[in-house]
Amino acid sequence: MNCDTEAKTSPSDPCASVLAALNRHGVRYVLISGQACVHYGATQFTKDIDLWVESSEANLHYLVAALGELSARQRFLPPLERAFLERGHAVHFEVDTEAAAYRVDLMTHPPRVGAFDAAERDATESSVAGVRCPVVDLARLVELKKTQRDEDYPVIARLVSAIFRYLDGHPDERQRLGLWVCHESRSPEELLTIATEWPGGAAMLADTGRAAAVAAVEAASRRPFDWELAAGEVGQALRREQDALQREDREYWRPRLAELRALHRADRR
């Protein structure tokens, strides 16, 4: 559930201005992607805002009103219509600011993260320049970043590493959060540390069934243990895993891109 804001924000802060307009019009949304990564400390700057928006006709009506208040203009096809959003398309707008146009990207069914209602319940509250907003939870954010873009995987690594460092200093929390780190870490050093230093860590890694985690367990069990060799083997497994995730994301977008190309051809006629 999103939170109200009490006052309009400075036009020099485009992200806050967009959020404030959404809040004023009662739009149900969750902040995702780059701005969510800023919230979790995995990046410091992003040039746009990505929003996961609830897909009911009423909510889309509120969204259109908010975009109208912002004088937002659509950048690309498809149009802002429920049929396209329900099929997993993103819709793109621009808002003029004092410095440059600011992108606003919208989805109602982003891949790999399930239903909006559950994400809304699990969202954490944050604020941008004093404007309160719901931010997608960390687990879903990691899933959202499993794209075909190489640059997203270092971001995932930073997101997960923050939890790994927390668990390294709080072993009492490993039962609650450790399995997720074993599933998601993109660091050979972290996986090998879990395998060699955490009590029960090797079993936890093996339980994931993840190839990179299993590689860490197997490397850690060899004697003599060679850290450099082991890190290289786990790194190769992580690279293969990334390749597979990138292929899956390309396959997800393939039919949607084909539909967009057909729309563009029809639009030029």
Protein backbone atom coordinates (compact mmCIF):
# COMPACT_ATOMS: atom_id res chain seq x y z
CA MET A 1 0.00 0.00 0.00
CA ASN A 2 1.43 3.36 -0.97
CA CYS A 3 1.56 6.33 1.37
CA ASP A 4 0.23 9.82 0.94
CA THR A 5 2.43 12.85 0.58
CA GLU A 6 1.34 16.16 1.95
CA ALA A 7 2.94 18.68 -0.34
CA LYS A 8 4.13 19.05 -3.90
CA THR A 9 7.86 18.71 -4.39
CA SER A 10 10.43 20.73 -6.21
CA PRO A 11 10.44 20.26 -9.99
CA SER A 12 14.22 19.89 -9.71
CA ASP A 13 13.68 16.46 -8.10
CA PRO A 14 11.94 14.47 -10.85
CA CYS A 15 11.74 11.16 -9.02
CA ALA A 16 10.08 12.78 -6.01
CA SER A 17 7.74 14.74 -8.27
CA VAL A 18 6.58 11.57 -10.02
CA LEU A 19 6.04 9.77 -6.72
CA ALA A 20 4.17 12.71 -5.25
CA ALA A 21 1.78 12.80 -8.22
CA LEU A 22 1.15 9.07 -7.93
CA ASN A 23 0.43 9.42 -4.23
CA ARG A 24 -1.93 12.36 -4.73
CA HIS A 25 -3.99 10.35 -7.20
CA GLY A 26 -4.05 7.21 -5.04
CA VAL A 27 -2.14 5.01 -7.48
CA ARG A 28 -1.18 1.59 -6.15
CA TYR A 29 2.45 1.02 -7.13
CA VAL A 30 5.76 -0.37 -5.92
CA LEU A 31 9.13 1.17 -6.76
CA ILE A 32 11.43 -1.30 -8.55
CA SER A 33 14.73 -1.53 -10.49
CA GLY A 34 17.24 1.33 -10.30
CA GLN A 35 15.59 3.49 -7.66
CA ALA A 36 14.95 0.40 -5.52
CA CYS A 37 18.65 -0.47 -5.82
CA VAL A 38 19.45 3.04 -4.58
CA HIS A 39 17.24 2.36 -1.55
CA TYR A 40 19.18 -0.84 -0.76
CA GLY A 41 22.56 0.81 -1.32
CA ALA A 42 23.55 -1.21 -4.39
CA THR A 43 23.88 1.84 -6.63
CA GLN A 44 24.01 5.59 -6.10
CA PHE A 45 22.38 7.08 -9.17
CA THR A 46 19.81 6.29 -11.84
CA LYS A 47 18.37 8.44 -14.60
CA ASP A 48 14.83 7.08 -14.58
CA ILE A 49 12.12 5.57 -12.41
CA ASP A 50 10.63 2.09 -12.83
CA LEU A 51 7.26 1.30 -11.31
CA TRP A 52 5.29 -1.89 -10.80
CA VAL A 53 1.67 -0.77 -10.98
CA GLU A 54 -1.47 -2.68 -9.96
CA SER A 55 -3.38 -3.57 -13.11
CA SER A 56 -7.06 -2.93 -12.31
CA GLU A 57 -9.00 -0.53 -14.54
CA ALA A 58 -9.55 1.78 -11.56
CA ASN A 59 -5.87 1.95 -10.74
CA LEU A 60 -4.91 2.56 -14.35
CA HIS A 61 -7.44 5.40 -14.38
CA TYR A 62 -5.66 6.96 -11.38
CA LEU A 63 -2.31 6.39 -13.13
CA VAL A 64 -3.48 8.22 -16.26
CA ALA A 65 -4.60 11.15 -14.09
CA ALA A 66 -1.20 11.29 -12.39
CA LEU A 67 0.63 11.17 -15.72
CA GLY A 68 -1.63 13.96 -16.99
CA GLU A 69 -0.76 16.13 -13.99
CA LEU A 70 2.93 15.56 -14.80
CA SER A 71 2.35 16.41 -18.50
CA ALA A 72 4.02 13.10 -19.26
CA ARG A 73 4.28 12.07 -22.90
CA GLN A 74 4.63 8.54 -24.17
CA ARG A 75 7.98 7.65 -25.74
CA PHE A 76 7.49 4.29 -27.42
CA LEU A 77 4.85 1.74 -28.26
CA PRO A 78 2.88 -0.05 -26.92
CA PRO A 79 0.18 2.36 -25.80
CA LEU A 80 -0.89 2.53 -22.16
CA GLU A 81 -3.63 -0.07 -22.48
CA ARG A 82 -4.48 -2.86 -20.08
CA ALA A 83 -4.31 -5.54 -22.77
CA PHE A 84 -0.64 -4.85 -23.46
CA LEU A 85 0.24 -4.49 -19.79
CA GLU A 86 -1.44 -7.81 -18.97
CA ARG A 87 0.77 -9.51 -21.55
CA GLY A 88 3.89 -8.29 -19.73
CA HIS A 89 4.80 -5.26 -21.80
CA ALA A 90 6.45 -2.18 -20.33
CA VAL A 91 5.09 1.27 -21.18
CA HIS A 92 7.43 4.25 -21.34
CA PHE A 93 6.85 7.94 -20.65
CA GLU A 94 8.92 11.10 -20.33
CA VAL A 95 8.46 14.01 -17.95
CA ASP A 96 10.17 17.34 -18.64
CA THR A 97 12.41 18.68 -15.87
CA GLU A 98 14.66 21.70 -15.47
CA ALA A 99 17.68 19.65 -16.59
CA ALA A 100 16.41 17.06 -19.08
CA ALA A 101 13.57 14.71 -19.86
CA TYR A 102 13.06 12.10 -17.14
CA ARG A 103 11.97 8.57 -18.04
CA VAL A 104 9.08 6.86 -16.31
CA ASP A 105 8.81 3.12 -17.10
CA LEU A 106 5.71 1.21 -16.05
CA MET A 107 4.79 -2.48 -15.81
CA THR A 108 1.89 -4.36 -14.27
CA HIS A 109 3.30 -7.89 -14.73
CA PRO A 110 7.10 -7.84 -14.53
CA PRO A 111 8.73 -11.25 -15.04
CA ARG A 112 9.76 -13.72 -12.33
CA VAL A 113 8.13 -11.97 -9.35
CA GLY A 114 4.53 -13.18 -9.13
CA ALA A 115 1.46 -11.13 -8.25
CA PHE A 116 1.32 -7.46 -7.35
CA ASP A 117 -0.76 -7.90 -4.17
CA ALA A 118 1.91 -10.07 -2.53
CA ALA A 119 4.67 -7.66 -3.56
CA GLU A 120 2.69 -4.75 -2.17
CA ARG A 121 2.30 -6.55 1.17
CA ASP A 122 6.02 -7.33 1.33
CA ALA A 123 7.21 -3.87 0.22
CA THR A 124 9.31 -1.74 2.53
CA GLU A 125 8.57 1.94 3.11
CA SER A 126 11.11 4.50 1.98
CA SER A 127 11.18 8.15 0.97
CA VAL A 128 12.67 10.17 -1.85
CA ALA A 129 13.25 13.83 -0.99
CA GLY A 130 10.59 13.56 1.69
CA VAL A 131 8.03 11.74 -0.47
CA ARG A 132 7.11 8.39 1.01
CA CYS A 133 6.87 5.38 -1.28
CA PRO A 134 6.75 1.56 -1.18
CA VAL A 135 9.90 -0.19 -2.42
CA VAL A 136 9.93 -3.77 -3.65
CA ASP A 137 11.40 -6.27 -1.19
CA LEU A 138 14.97 -7.42 -1.67
CA ALA A 139 14.19 -10.96 -2.84
CA ARG A 140 11.92 -9.76 -5.66
CA LEU A 141 14.37 -7.02 -6.60
CA VAL A 142 17.07 -9.65 -7.15
CA GLU A 143 14.69 -11.63 -9.36
CA LEU A 144 13.85 -8.50 -11.36
CA LYS A 145 17.55 -7.88 -11.99
CA LYS A 146 18.10 -11.32 -13.56
CA THR A 147 17.95 -9.85 -17.04
CA GLN A 148 19.93 -10.24 -20.25
CA ARG A 149 22.05 -7.19 -19.35
CA ASP A 150 25.56 -7.97 -18.08
CA GLU A 151 25.56 -4.85 -15.90
CA ASP A 152 22.69 -6.15 -13.74
CA TYR A 153 24.68 -9.04 -12.27
CA PRO A 154 27.21 -6.92 -10.35
CA VAL A 155 24.18 -5.11 -8.90
CA ILE A 156 22.72 -8.44 -7.76
CA ALA A 157 26.09 -9.29 -6.23
CA ARG A 158 26.09 -6.06 -4.22
CA LEU A 159 22.49 -6.57 -3.07
CA VAL A 160 23.19 -10.10 -1.82
CA SER A 161 26.61 -9.22 -0.40
CA ALA A 162 25.00 -6.76 2.00
CA ILE A 163 22.99 -9.63 3.52
CA PHE A 164 26.03 -11.94 3.50
CA ARG A 165 28.08 -9.38 5.44
CA TYR A 166 25.22 -9.00 7.90
CA LEU A 167 25.06 -12.77 8.42
CA ASP A 168 28.82 -13.02 8.79
CA GLY A 169 28.49 -10.84 11.88
CA HIS A 170 25.12 -12.24 13.03
CA PRO A 171 25.37 -16.05 12.92
CA ASP A 172 22.09 -16.33 14.85
CA GLU A 173 20.31 -15.01 11.72
CA ARG A 174 21.78 -17.58 9.33
CA GLN A 175 18.94 -20.03 9.75
CA ARG A 176 16.46 -17.35 8.67
CA LEU A 177 18.38 -15.74 5.81
CA GLY A 178 21.27 -18.03 4.99
CA LEU A 179 19.48 -20.27 2.50
CA TRP A 180 18.47 -17.25 0.42
CA VAL A 181 22.09 -16.08 0.31
CA CYS A 182 23.15 -19.59 -0.74
CA HIS A 183 20.59 -19.43 -3.56
CA GLU A 184 21.49 -15.94 -4.75
CA SER A 185 25.14 -15.08 -4.02
CA ARG A 186 27.16 -14.26 -7.12
CA SER A 187 30.50 -14.28 -5.31
CA PRO A 188 32.85 -17.31 -5.30
CA GLU A 189 34.41 -15.95 -2.11
CA GLU A 190 31.05 -15.82 -0.32
CA LEU A 191 30.02 -19.30 -1.42
CA LEU A 192 33.36 -20.76 -0.39
CA THR A 193 33.24 -18.96 2.96
CA ILE A 194 29.83 -20.47 3.62
CA ALA A 195 31.13 -23.93 2.64
CA THR A 196 34.29 -23.74 4.75
CA GLU A 197 33.46 -21.50 7.72
CA TRP A 198 29.73 -21.58 8.49
CA PRO A 199 28.61 -24.47 10.69
CA GLY A 200 26.24 -26.45 8.49
CA GLY A 201 27.02 -24.16 5.57
CA ALA A 202 28.05 -26.94 3.19
CA ALA A 203 24.76 -28.77 3.79
CA MET A 204 22.83 -25.54 3.27
CA LEU A 205 24.59 -24.95 -0.05
CA ALA A 206 23.99 -28.54 -1.17
CA ASP A 207 20.28 -28.25 -0.31
CA THR A 208 19.88 -25.48 -2.89
CA GLY A 209 20.74 -27.83 -5.75
CA ARG A 210 22.34 -24.83 -7.41
CA ALA A 211 25.33 -25.76 -9.57
CA ALA A 212 27.55 -22.94 -8.27
CA ALA A 213 26.70 -23.82 -4.66
CA VAL A 214 27.41 -27.50 -5.24
CA ALA A 215 30.72 -26.56 -6.92
CA ALA A 216 31.67 -24.61 -3.81
CA VAL A 217 30.90 -27.62 -1.57
CA GLU A 218 32.87 -30.00 -3.77
CA ALA A 219 35.85 -27.66 -3.99
CA ALA A 220 35.84 -27.08 -0.23
CA SER A 221 35.88 -30.83 0.46
CA ARG A 222 39.06 -31.51 -1.49
CA ARG A 223 42.39 -31.87 0.31
CA PRO A 224 44.61 -30.04 0.05
CA PHE A 225 42.19 -27.15 -0.31
CA ASP A 226 43.35 -24.61 -2.89
CA TRP A 227 41.35 -21.39 -2.47
CA GLU A 228 42.44 -19.84 -5.77
CA LEU A 229 41.62 -22.96 -7.76
CA ALA A 230 38.30 -23.36 -5.95
CA ALA A 231 37.33 -19.73 -6.57
CA GLY A 232 38.05 -20.19 -10.27
CA GLU A 233 35.84 -23.27 -10.49
CA VAL A 234 32.96 -21.61 -8.65
CA GLY A 235 33.37 -18.49 -10.79
CA GLN A 236 33.00 -20.61 -13.94
CA ALA A 237 29.82 -22.16 -12.55
CA LEU A 238 28.46 -18.69 -11.80
CA ARG A 239 29.24 -17.59 -15.35
CA ARG A 240 27.32 -20.57 -16.77
CA GLU A 241 24.42 -19.76 -14.47
CA GLN A 242 24.41 -16.15 -15.63
CA ASP A 243 24.44 -17.26 -19.27
CA ALA A 244 21.37 -19.44 -18.60
CA LEU A 245 19.52 -16.63 -16.82
CA GLN A 246 20.27 -14.25 -19.67
CA ARG A 247 18.97 -16.76 -22.21
CA GLU A 248 15.77 -17.17 -20.19
CA ASP A 249 15.24 -13.42 -20.10
CA ARG A 250 15.81 -13.10 -23.84
CA GLU A 251 13.25 -15.86 -24.42
CA TYR A 252 10.75 -14.09 -22.16
CA TRP A 253 11.03 -10.87 -24.17
CA ARG A 254 11.19 -12.48 -27.63
CA PRO A 255 7.40 -12.68 -28.27
CA ARG A 256 6.84 -9.24 -26.74
CA LEU A 257 9.47 -7.69 -28.98
CA ALA A 258 7.89 -9.40 -31.98
CA GLU A 259 4.55 -7.86 -31.02
CA LEU A 260 6.16 -4.42 -30.70
CA ARG A 261 7.74 -4.75 -34.15
CA ALA A 262 4.33 -5.59 -35.59
CA LEU A 263 2.86 -2.52 -33.85
CA HIS A 264 5.61 -0.32 -35.27
CA ARG A 265 5.01 -1.62 -38.80
CA ALA A 266 1.27 -1.00 -38.47
CA ASP A 267 1.93 2.48 -37.04
CA ARG A 268 4.06 3.45 -40.08
CA ARG A 269 1.36 2.50 -42.57
